[in-house]
Amino acid sequence: MITQGDIISIAKDAIYTIIITAAPLLLVSLIVGLVVSIFQTVTSIQEQTLTFVPKILAVFLGIMLIGPWMMDILSDFMTRLWADFSIYLS
């Protein structure tokens, strides 16, 4: 039978996995946003759409580069979760 501690452990591992896999893309988006913001301040260009295109391109490039690593992390988590599934049922 699954206990409250098991549920908390699964939730903790899931949240940790989400944070680890999302952090690189969030950092890329943050850095690109900061660079574009500095560029806008220096050149006095206040176009709102200027920030979206570089961020989207950087995140897509990040997914292409970091995507296999992210899939490995998520696959390992799901494999561990399904491997312990029979333990939770008994």
Protein backbone atom coordinates (compact mmCIF):
# COMPACT_ATOMS: atom_id res chain seq x y z
CA MET A 1 0.00 0.00 0.00
CA ILE A 2 1.24 3.44 -0.85
CA THR A 3 1.88 5.66 2.13
CA GLN A 4 1.84 9.39 2.58
CA GLY A 5 5.64 9.38 2.69
CA ASP A 6 5.76 7.61 -0.68
CA ILE A 7 3.48 10.22 -2.25
CA ILE A 8 5.59 13.05 -0.84
CA SER A 9 8.76 11.36 -2.13
CA ILE A 10 7.28 10.97 -5.62
CA ALA A 11 6.10 14.59 -5.64
CA LYS A 12 9.50 15.80 -4.42
CA ASP A 13 11.31 13.84 -7.15
CA ALA A 14 8.86 15.14 -9.79
CA ILE A 15 9.33 18.78 -8.75
CA TYR A 16 13.11 18.34 -8.66
CA THR A 17 13.06 16.80 -12.14
CA ILE A 18 10.93 19.65 -13.49
CA ILE A 19 13.27 22.27 -12.03
CA ILE A 20 16.41 20.54 -13.33
CA THR A 21 15.04 20.12 -16.85
CA ALA A 22 13.52 23.60 -17.12
CA ALA A 23 16.40 25.59 -15.60
CA PRO A 24 18.75 25.65 -18.63
CA LEU A 25 16.06 26.97 -20.99
CA LEU A 26 14.89 29.52 -18.45
CA LEU A 27 18.46 30.75 -18.01
CA VAL A 28 18.91 31.05 -21.79
CA SER A 29 15.68 33.04 -22.02
CA LEU A 30 16.73 35.25 -19.11
CA ILE A 31 20.16 36.00 -20.58
CA VAL A 32 18.78 36.76 -24.05
CA GLY A 33 16.08 38.97 -22.53
CA LEU A 34 18.70 40.86 -20.54
CA VAL A 35 20.90 41.40 -23.61
CA VAL A 36 17.94 42.60 -25.70
CA SER A 37 16.84 44.89 -22.87
CA ILE A 38 20.30 46.45 -22.65
CA PHE A 39 20.33 46.84 -26.45
CA GLN A 40 16.92 48.55 -26.34
CA THR A 41 18.06 50.90 -23.59
CA VAL A 42 21.27 51.86 -25.38
CA THR A 43 19.60 52.45 -28.75
CA SER A 44 16.33 53.90 -27.37
CA ILE A 45 14.33 51.39 -29.41
CA GLN A 46 11.23 50.53 -27.40
CA GLU A 47 9.63 47.98 -29.71
CA GLN A 48 7.77 45.33 -27.70
CA THR A 49 8.03 42.62 -30.34
CA LEU A 50 11.82 42.93 -30.48
CA THR A 51 12.15 40.90 -27.28
CA PHE A 52 10.08 37.91 -28.41
CA VAL A 53 11.84 36.80 -31.58
CA PRO A 54 15.37 36.48 -30.09
CA LYS A 55 13.99 34.69 -27.02
CA ILE A 56 12.00 32.23 -29.12
CA LEU A 57 14.98 31.53 -31.37
CA ALA A 58 17.29 31.08 -28.38
CA VAL A 59 14.87 28.72 -26.63
CA PHE A 60 14.40 26.66 -29.81
CA LEU A 61 18.17 26.47 -30.23
CA GLY A 62 18.45 25.48 -26.56
CA ILE A 63 15.86 22.74 -27.04
CA MET A 64 17.81 21.43 -30.01
CA LEU A 65 21.05 21.38 -28.04
CA ILE A 66 19.80 20.39 -24.57
CA GLY A 67 16.73 18.39 -25.65
CA PRO A 68 18.39 14.95 -25.63
CA TRP A 69 19.71 15.55 -22.11
CA MET A 70 16.27 16.69 -20.98
CA MET A 71 14.68 13.57 -22.47
CA ASP A 72 17.23 11.37 -20.67
CA ILE A 73 16.38 12.99 -17.34
CA LEU A 74 12.63 12.65 -17.92
CA SER A 75 12.98 9.06 -19.18
CA ASP A 76 15.03 8.09 -16.12
CA PHE A 77 12.39 9.59 -13.84
CA MET A 78 9.55 7.77 -15.60
CA THR A 79 11.49 4.49 -15.63
CA ARG A 80 12.09 4.76 -11.87
CA LEU A 81 8.43 5.62 -11.32
CA TRP A 82 7.13 2.68 -13.36
CA ALA A 83 9.72 0.28 -11.89
CA ASP A 84 8.39 0.99 -8.39
CA PHE A 85 4.75 0.85 -9.48
CA SER A 86 4.22 -2.72 -8.25
CA ILE A 87 5.59 -1.78 -4.82
CA TYR A 88 2.98 0.94 -4.47
CA LEU A 89 0.10 -1.41 -5.33
CA SER A 90 0.87 -4.08 -2.76
